[in-house]
Amino acid sequence: MPRSFRIPQPAGWALAVVAAGTIAGGAPPASAQAVEPRHPVERTELGGRVHVQLNTTSAEDVPASELLVRRARIWAATRVNGWIDGAVQVDVSGASAVARFAFVRLSLSPAARLSFGQFKRAFDNFELTSSSQILVVERDGDVRSAGSCAGVGGVCSYSRFSEKLLFSSLDVGMLLQGEVAGGRVGYLLSATNGPGPNTREENDAKSFSGRVVWSVGRSIRLGANGAVHDYPNPVTGRDAFARAAALDIEVGDFENGVHVQAGILAGDNWRNLDAAGEESRFVAWQGIATYRFALNGAARLRAVEPVVRVSWGDPDRREVSDGGLLLSPGMMIHFDGRNKIAANVDIWRTASHAGV
């Protein structure tokens, strides 16, 4: 693997390889314990996940390569009875352990399941896909020392806008979800504080998001997403609200054959304000396509899966050539369960450099 490779800036590339493993186990039922608890639970499960990554970059002002523990998570899930359950997931990969998921859920019916706690907002199919199943190594294309997308930093990828503008990902609040029309239509509605996980509320307003998914046949799912994010505007000194909407389609699944996730996202870039405190308008689109080849009869390998991502974003539609394009070809090698080795080459080209 070459240590560096020069590409005229502001273009850049990065290679990321991740080895991911998921383990799970179950605890014996409460009735089997030496001392029966006062309120026995129906079932408790423990599990964990470790993602170890090697990445390298063409940038000359940072180390050419690095090894890191990208994720190291421990989770516990408990079902009290047929309609009450909950889960806690802790990330211990940083300098300290921080909570990710922590919620209690009331399953009133298949059409109404109500959760309280910390969870992912009801927005963006790419973000709602578990990190144990995502089709690329890094959702936002983490090309070190390349790009400075207005407001959100990094490269102007779809997931960069979705996550950094806090329309998706973790927050504290309430979530209502369910399925109707015989399971053909699913929905999620969330009301949250807004600032993100493990963070106290910062103003008097709340953030809201919603997602509806329509299953067309067995292998096609269409999604519509909407979000309103509250934030204290540093220019006006008042609470403000940024809006975003997204449409997505998913074809196939995480088993064998073709799998495609694609979407378009637009909204207010509230981290990029003008002198009057007005947000710029951003737009982004992304497509990820894979084909999973099953390896029947292989001793340890279960499948290989080539993948390619194309992601484009513009942080300020008033400006010309301030966005860019992210291209990520790669390969995944699957073992039992959700254990895999994945490799991506993330190639970033600014709109001005590409002549767009």
Protein backbone atom coordinates (compact mmCIF):
# COMPACT_ATOMS: atom_id res chain seq x y z
CA MET A 1 0.00 0.00 0.00
CA PRO A 2 1.65 3.30 -1.03
CA ARG A 3 2.11 5.77 1.78
CA SER A 4 1.09 8.78 -0.28
CA PHE A 5 -0.08 9.77 -3.70
CA ARG A 6 -0.29 13.36 -4.88
CA ILE A 7 -3.46 14.66 -6.49
CA PRO A 8 -3.69 18.38 -7.27
CA GLN A 9 -5.66 20.00 -4.48
CA PRO A 10 -8.48 20.61 -3.71
CA ALA A 11 -9.10 17.02 -4.77
CA GLY A 12 -8.21 14.18 -2.44
CA TRP A 13 -8.60 10.52 -1.74
CA ALA A 14 -8.54 8.15 1.19
CA LEU A 15 -8.50 4.41 1.63
CA ALA A 16 -10.33 2.87 4.57
CA VAL A 17 -10.40 -0.77 5.56
CA VAL A 18 -12.59 -1.91 8.43
CA ALA A 19 -12.87 -5.27 10.12
CA ALA A 20 -16.23 -5.49 11.84
CA GLY A 21 -17.54 -8.09 14.22
CA THR A 22 -20.76 -8.51 16.14
CA ILE A 23 -21.27 -10.90 19.02
CA ALA A 24 -24.42 -11.63 20.96
CA GLY A 25 -25.40 -13.80 23.82
CA GLY A 26 -28.36 -14.40 26.05
CA ALA A 27 -28.77 -14.46 29.79
CA PRO A 28 -30.76 -17.24 31.44
CA PRO A 29 -34.41 -16.43 32.21
CA ALA A 30 -35.15 -14.88 35.58
CA SER A 31 -36.72 -18.09 36.85
CA ALA A 32 -33.34 -19.81 36.54
CA GLN A 33 -31.52 -17.35 38.80
CA ALA A 34 -30.53 -18.32 42.33
CA VAL A 35 -32.66 -15.47 43.73
CA GLU A 36 -35.82 -14.69 41.81
CA PRO A 37 -36.25 -10.92 41.32
CA ARG A 38 -39.36 -9.21 42.55
CA HIS A 39 -40.45 -8.40 38.99
CA PRO A 40 -39.03 -11.12 36.70
CA VAL A 41 -38.27 -10.24 33.10
CA GLU A 42 -39.18 -12.36 30.14
CA ARG A 43 -35.78 -12.21 28.43
CA THR A 44 -32.43 -10.36 28.62
CA GLU A 45 -29.77 -10.32 25.91
CA LEU A 46 -26.20 -9.02 25.91
CA GLY A 47 -24.06 -8.27 22.90
CA GLY A 48 -21.27 -6.19 21.45
CA ARG A 49 -19.65 -4.81 18.32
CA VAL A 50 -16.06 -3.93 17.44
CA HIS A 51 -14.98 -2.14 14.24
CA VAL A 52 -11.22 -1.80 13.75
CA GLN A 53 -10.07 0.45 10.90
CA LEU A 54 -6.90 1.11 8.90
CA ASN A 55 -7.03 4.22 6.73
CA THR A 56 -4.58 6.11 4.58
CA THR A 57 -4.77 9.43 2.75
CA SER A 58 -3.11 11.39 -0.03
CA ALA A 59 -2.95 14.56 2.10
CA GLU A 60 0.57 15.67 3.00
CA ASP A 61 -0.16 17.58 6.23
CA VAL A 62 -1.40 14.56 8.24
CA PRO A 63 -0.02 11.07 8.94
CA ALA A 64 -0.19 8.93 5.82
CA SER A 65 -1.95 6.08 7.63
CA GLU A 66 -3.56 5.31 10.97
CA LEU A 67 -5.09 2.42 12.85
CA LEU A 68 -8.03 3.10 15.13
CA VAL A 69 -10.88 1.40 16.94
CA ARG A 70 -13.71 3.04 15.02
CA ARG A 71 -16.49 1.54 17.15
CA ALA A 72 -16.49 -0.57 20.29
CA ARG A 73 -19.99 -0.97 21.65
CA ILE A 74 -21.67 -3.03 24.32
CA TRP A 75 -25.43 -3.38 24.49
CA ALA A 76 -28.05 -4.95 26.70
CA ALA A 77 -31.70 -5.46 25.80
CA THR A 78 -34.48 -6.58 28.11
CA ARG A 79 -38.05 -7.62 27.41
CA VAL A 80 -40.22 -7.29 30.51
CA ASN A 81 -43.30 -8.82 28.89
CA GLY A 82 -45.12 -8.94 25.58
CA TRP A 83 -45.41 -5.16 25.27
CA ILE A 84 -42.63 -3.54 27.34
CA ASP A 85 -38.96 -3.73 26.39
CA GLY A 86 -35.86 -1.54 26.36
CA ALA A 87 -32.20 -1.37 25.43
CA VAL A 88 -28.95 0.40 26.31
CA GLN A 89 -25.90 0.67 24.06
CA VAL A 90 -22.60 2.17 25.24
CA ASP A 91 -19.68 3.21 23.02
CA VAL A 92 -16.33 2.65 24.72
CA SER A 93 -14.03 3.40 21.77
CA GLY A 94 -13.09 6.93 22.85
CA ALA A 95 -11.40 8.28 25.93
CA SER A 96 -14.56 7.59 27.92
CA ALA A 97 -17.70 5.50 27.67
CA VAL A 98 -20.72 7.35 26.29
CA ALA A 99 -24.30 6.22 25.87
CA ARG A 100 -25.71 5.83 22.38
CA PHE A 101 -29.08 4.11 22.59
CA ALA A 102 -30.96 4.18 25.89
CA PHE A 103 -34.71 3.78 25.67
CA VAL A 104 -37.85 2.09 26.96
CA ARG A 105 -40.48 1.02 24.41
CA LEU A 106 -44.20 0.33 24.82
CA SER A 107 -45.55 -1.87 22.00
CA LEU A 108 -49.23 -1.00 22.20
CA SER A 109 -49.97 -2.68 18.85
CA PRO A 110 -48.20 -3.32 15.52
CA ALA A 111 -49.48 0.10 14.45
CA ALA A 112 -48.23 1.98 17.54
CA ARG A 113 -44.96 1.46 19.40
CA LEU A 114 -43.91 4.35 21.64
CA SER A 115 -40.30 4.83 22.79
CA PHE A 116 -38.84 7.23 25.38
CA GLY A 117 -35.14 7.98 25.72
CA GLN A 118 -32.19 8.36 23.35
CA PHE A 119 -32.50 6.93 19.84
CA LYS A 120 -32.08 7.84 16.18
CA ARG A 121 -34.40 10.53 14.86
CA ALA A 122 -37.08 9.52 12.33
CA PHE A 123 -35.15 10.77 9.29
CA ASP A 124 -32.85 9.45 6.51
CA ASN A 125 -32.68 5.80 5.44
CA PHE A 126 -28.86 5.92 5.16
CA GLU A 127 -28.56 6.97 8.81
CA LEU A 128 -31.21 4.55 10.06
CA THR A 129 -29.27 1.63 8.57
CA SER A 130 -27.25 0.05 11.41
CA SER A 131 -23.47 0.50 11.41
CA SER A 132 -23.27 -3.31 11.44
CA GLN A 133 -24.95 -3.36 8.00
CA ILE A 134 -24.01 -0.09 6.25
CA LEU A 135 -22.84 -0.63 2.69
CA VAL A 136 -19.80 1.69 2.92
CA VAL A 137 -17.06 2.00 5.53
CA GLU A 138 -17.87 5.62 6.46
CA ARG A 139 -21.31 7.12 5.89
CA ASP A 140 -19.98 10.63 5.26
CA GLY A 141 -16.80 9.76 3.33
CA ASP A 142 -14.23 10.75 5.93
CA VAL A 143 -11.35 11.92 3.70
CA ARG A 144 -8.86 13.30 6.21
CA SER A 145 -7.65 16.87 5.57
CA ALA A 146 -9.64 17.14 2.32
CA GLY A 147 -12.51 19.52 1.74
CA SER A 148 -14.11 22.19 3.88
CA CYS A 149 -17.81 22.10 3.07
CA ALA A 150 -19.46 25.36 4.15
CA GLY A 151 -21.11 24.96 7.54
CA VAL A 152 -20.61 21.22 7.96
CA GLY A 153 -16.87 20.85 7.28
CA GLY A 154 -15.28 17.80 5.67
CA VAL A 155 -16.45 16.80 2.20
CA CYS A 156 -19.90 17.75 0.86
CA SER A 157 -21.44 14.27 1.04
CA TYR A 158 -25.12 13.43 1.59
CA SER A 159 -24.62 12.01 5.07
CA ARG A 160 -22.40 14.92 6.09
CA PHE A 161 -25.34 17.31 5.69
CA SER A 162 -27.82 14.92 7.30
CA GLU A 163 -25.69 14.26 10.40
CA LYS A 164 -23.88 17.57 11.01
CA LEU A 165 -27.05 19.64 10.59
CA LEU A 166 -28.70 17.36 13.19
CA PHE A 167 -31.63 16.33 11.03
CA SER A 168 -30.74 12.67 11.60
CA SER A 169 -28.74 10.55 14.08
CA LEU A 170 -29.17 10.34 17.86
CA ASP A 171 -31.17 12.64 20.12
CA VAL A 172 -33.26 12.51 23.31
CA GLY A 173 -37.05 12.53 23.18
CA MET A 174 -40.04 10.41 22.12
CA LEU A 175 -40.53 8.19 19.09
CA LEU A 176 -43.79 6.77 17.72
CA GLN A 177 -43.55 4.09 15.05
CA GLY A 178 -45.65 1.36 13.52
CA GLU A 179 -46.94 -0.45 10.45
CA VAL A 180 -50.35 -0.16 8.79
CA ALA A 181 -52.05 -1.36 5.62
CA GLY A 182 -51.09 -4.96 6.27
CA GLY A 183 -47.44 -4.06 6.81
CA ARG A 184 -47.08 -2.33 3.43
CA VAL A 185 -46.74 1.12 5.01
CA GLY A 186 -44.47 1.96 7.93
CA TYR A 187 -44.04 5.26 9.73
CA LEU A 188 -41.80 6.92 12.34
CA LEU A 189 -42.47 10.22 14.14
CA SER A 190 -40.04 11.75 16.64
CA ALA A 191 -40.02 14.78 18.92
CA THR A 192 -36.61 15.51 20.47
CA ASN A 193 -34.59 18.18 22.28
CA GLY A 194 -32.45 18.94 19.22
CA PRO A 195 -28.81 19.35 20.37
CA GLY A 196 -27.95 15.66 19.94
CA PRO A 197 -26.99 12.72 22.18
CA ASN A 198 -25.85 13.10 25.80
CA THR A 199 -26.52 16.84 25.66
CA ARG A 200 -28.85 18.96 27.78
CA GLU A 201 -31.56 21.06 26.12
CA GLU A 202 -30.24 24.48 25.03
CA ASN A 203 -33.45 26.46 24.40
CA ASP A 204 -37.24 26.43 24.79
CA ALA A 205 -38.03 24.82 21.42
CA LYS A 206 -38.11 21.22 20.19
CA SER A 207 -37.14 19.40 16.98
CA PHE A 208 -39.51 17.18 14.99
CA SER A 209 -38.99 14.61 12.26
CA GLY A 210 -41.01 12.01 10.42
CA ARG A 211 -40.58 9.22 7.91
CA VAL A 212 -43.06 7.13 5.89
CA VAL A 213 -42.01 4.00 3.98
CA TRP A 214 -44.14 2.28 1.34
CA SER A 215 -43.22 -1.28 0.34
CA VAL A 216 -43.82 -1.86 -3.35
CA GLY A 217 -43.83 -5.60 -3.80
CA ARG A 218 -41.22 -7.63 -1.95
CA SER A 219 -38.01 -5.83 -2.91
CA ILE A 220 -38.70 -2.11 -3.41
CA ARG A 221 -39.26 0.44 -0.64
CA LEU A 222 -40.00 4.12 -1.17
CA GLY A 223 -39.37 6.60 1.64
CA ALA A 224 -40.37 10.22 2.33
CA ASN A 225 -38.74 12.19 5.16
CA GLY A 226 -39.30 15.58 6.74
CA ALA A 227 -37.60 17.39 9.64
CA VAL A 228 -37.68 20.69 11.54
CA HIS A 229 -34.59 21.37 13.67
CA ASP A 230 -34.59 24.08 16.32
CA TYR A 231 -31.43 26.00 17.21
CA PRO A 232 -30.43 29.27 18.93
CA ASN A 233 -29.47 31.65 16.11
CA PRO A 234 -26.18 33.31 17.12
CA VAL A 235 -26.81 36.33 14.85
CA THR A 236 -30.38 37.21 15.84
CA GLY A 237 -30.15 35.89 19.40
CA ARG A 238 -33.53 34.15 18.99
CA ASP A 239 -34.65 30.54 18.55
CA ALA A 240 -34.82 29.58 14.88
CA PHE A 241 -35.99 26.58 12.89
CA ALA A 242 -34.24 24.87 9.95
CA ARG A 243 -36.17 22.54 7.66
CA ALA A 244 -35.15 19.58 5.52
CA ALA A 245 -36.87 17.03 3.31
CA ALA A 246 -35.63 13.85 1.65
CA LEU A 247 -36.90 11.17 -0.72
CA ASP A 248 -35.26 7.75 -0.96
CA ILE A 249 -35.61 4.37 -2.59
CA GLU A 250 -34.20 0.99 -1.60
CA VAL A 251 -34.12 -2.04 -3.87
CA GLY A 252 -33.14 -5.47 -2.56
CA ASP A 253 -31.95 -6.32 0.93
CA PHE A 254 -28.90 -7.40 2.93
CA GLU A 255 -29.03 -10.97 1.71
CA ASN A 256 -27.96 -12.03 -1.80
CA GLY A 257 -28.11 -10.23 -5.13
CA VAL A 258 -28.62 -6.58 -6.01
CA HIS A 259 -28.96 -3.97 -3.27
CA VAL A 260 -29.41 -0.27 -4.02
CA GLN A 261 -29.97 2.68 -1.68
CA ALA A 262 -30.50 6.11 -3.25
CA GLY A 263 -31.84 9.44 -2.07
CA ILE A 264 -32.07 13.18 -2.54
CA LEU A 265 -31.94 15.65 0.36
CA ALA A 266 -32.48 19.42 0.55
CA GLY A 267 -32.98 21.99 3.26
CA ASP A 268 -31.62 24.85 5.36
CA ASN A 269 -27.89 24.91 6.13
CA TRP A 270 -28.26 26.58 9.54
CA ARG A 271 -24.54 26.31 10.24
CA ASN A 272 -23.87 28.63 7.28
CA LEU A 273 -25.57 31.95 8.12
CA ASP A 274 -25.30 35.27 6.32
CA ALA A 275 -24.89 38.66 8.01
CA ALA A 276 -28.64 38.86 8.67
CA GLY A 277 -28.75 35.40 10.25
CA GLU A 278 -30.43 33.69 7.27
CA GLU A 279 -29.50 30.09 6.47
CA SER A 280 -28.15 29.08 3.10
CA ARG A 281 -30.00 26.38 1.17
CA PHE A 282 -28.22 23.06 0.57
CA VAL A 283 -28.98 20.12 -1.70
CA ALA A 284 -27.40 16.66 -1.94
CA TRP A 285 -28.01 13.32 -3.60
CA GLN A 286 -26.46 9.90 -3.17
CA GLY A 287 -26.61 6.39 -4.58
CA ILE A 288 -25.00 3.20 -3.27
CA ALA A 289 -25.15 -0.02 -5.29
CA THR A 290 -23.88 -3.49 -4.40
CA TYR A 291 -24.18 -7.06 -5.60
CA ARG A 292 -23.73 -9.82 -3.05
CA PHE A 293 -22.35 -13.10 -4.40
CA ALA A 294 -22.99 -16.06 -2.11
CA LEU A 295 -20.05 -18.48 -1.73
CA ASN A 296 -21.83 -21.77 -1.27
CA GLY A 297 -19.58 -24.47 0.06
CA ALA A 298 -16.78 -22.14 1.17
CA ALA A 299 -15.24 -23.20 4.48
CA ARG A 300 -15.38 -19.83 6.26
CA LEU A 301 -16.46 -17.19 3.75
CA ARG A 302 -20.16 -16.63 3.14
CA ALA A 303 -20.22 -13.93 0.43
CA VAL A 304 -18.32 -11.22 -1.40
CA GLU A 305 -19.95 -7.91 -2.23
CA PRO A 306 -18.50 -5.22 -4.54
CA VAL A 307 -19.89 -1.74 -3.84
CA VAL A 308 -19.83 1.73 -5.34
CA ARG A 309 -21.11 5.01 -3.91
CA VAL A 310 -21.65 8.30 -5.73
CA SER A 311 -22.52 11.29 -3.49
CA TRP A 312 -22.82 14.94 -4.46
CA GLY A 313 -23.59 17.98 -2.34
CA ASP A 314 -23.88 21.76 -2.58
CA PRO A 315 -23.82 23.64 0.78
CA ASP A 316 -25.00 27.00 -0.57
CA ARG A 317 -27.08 27.20 -3.72
CA ARG A 318 -26.39 30.95 -3.92
CA GLU A 319 -22.71 30.27 -4.55
CA VAL A 320 -21.18 28.75 -7.69
CA SER A 321 -18.96 25.63 -7.61
CA ASP A 322 -18.72 25.37 -3.81
CA GLY A 323 -19.86 21.73 -3.57
CA GLY A 324 -18.31 18.54 -4.81
CA LEU A 325 -18.52 14.87 -5.70
CA LEU A 326 -17.55 11.83 -3.60
CA LEU A 327 -16.88 8.52 -5.36
CA SER A 328 -16.36 5.37 -3.27
CA PRO A 329 -15.64 2.04 -4.95
CA GLY A 330 -15.01 -0.89 -2.63
CA MET A 331 -15.47 -4.51 -1.61
CA MET A 332 -16.90 -6.40 1.36
CA ILE A 333 -16.06 -9.96 2.42
CA HIS A 334 -18.71 -11.55 4.63
CA PHE A 335 -18.30 -14.26 7.25
CA ASP A 336 -20.95 -15.73 9.57
CA GLY A 337 -23.53 -13.33 10.99
CA ARG A 338 -22.67 -9.66 10.51
CA ASN A 339 -18.91 -10.20 10.65
CA LYS A 340 -17.07 -8.79 7.66
CA ILE A 341 -14.00 -7.07 6.23
CA ALA A 342 -14.72 -4.02 4.06
CA ALA A 343 -12.47 -1.74 1.99
CA ASN A 344 -13.33 1.59 0.32
CA VAL A 345 -11.38 4.13 -1.67
CA ASP A 346 -13.02 7.54 -1.08
CA ILE A 347 -12.20 9.97 -3.92
CA TRP A 348 -13.23 13.59 -3.34
CA ARG A 349 -13.42 16.19 -6.12
CA THR A 350 -14.60 19.75 -5.54
CA ALA A 351 -17.02 21.19 -8.08
CA SER A 352 -14.52 23.87 -9.12
CA HIS A 353 -11.72 21.32 -9.62
CA ALA A 354 -14.00 19.07 -11.67
CA GLY A 355 -15.15 21.97 -13.79
CA VAL A 356 -18.80 21.69 -12.64
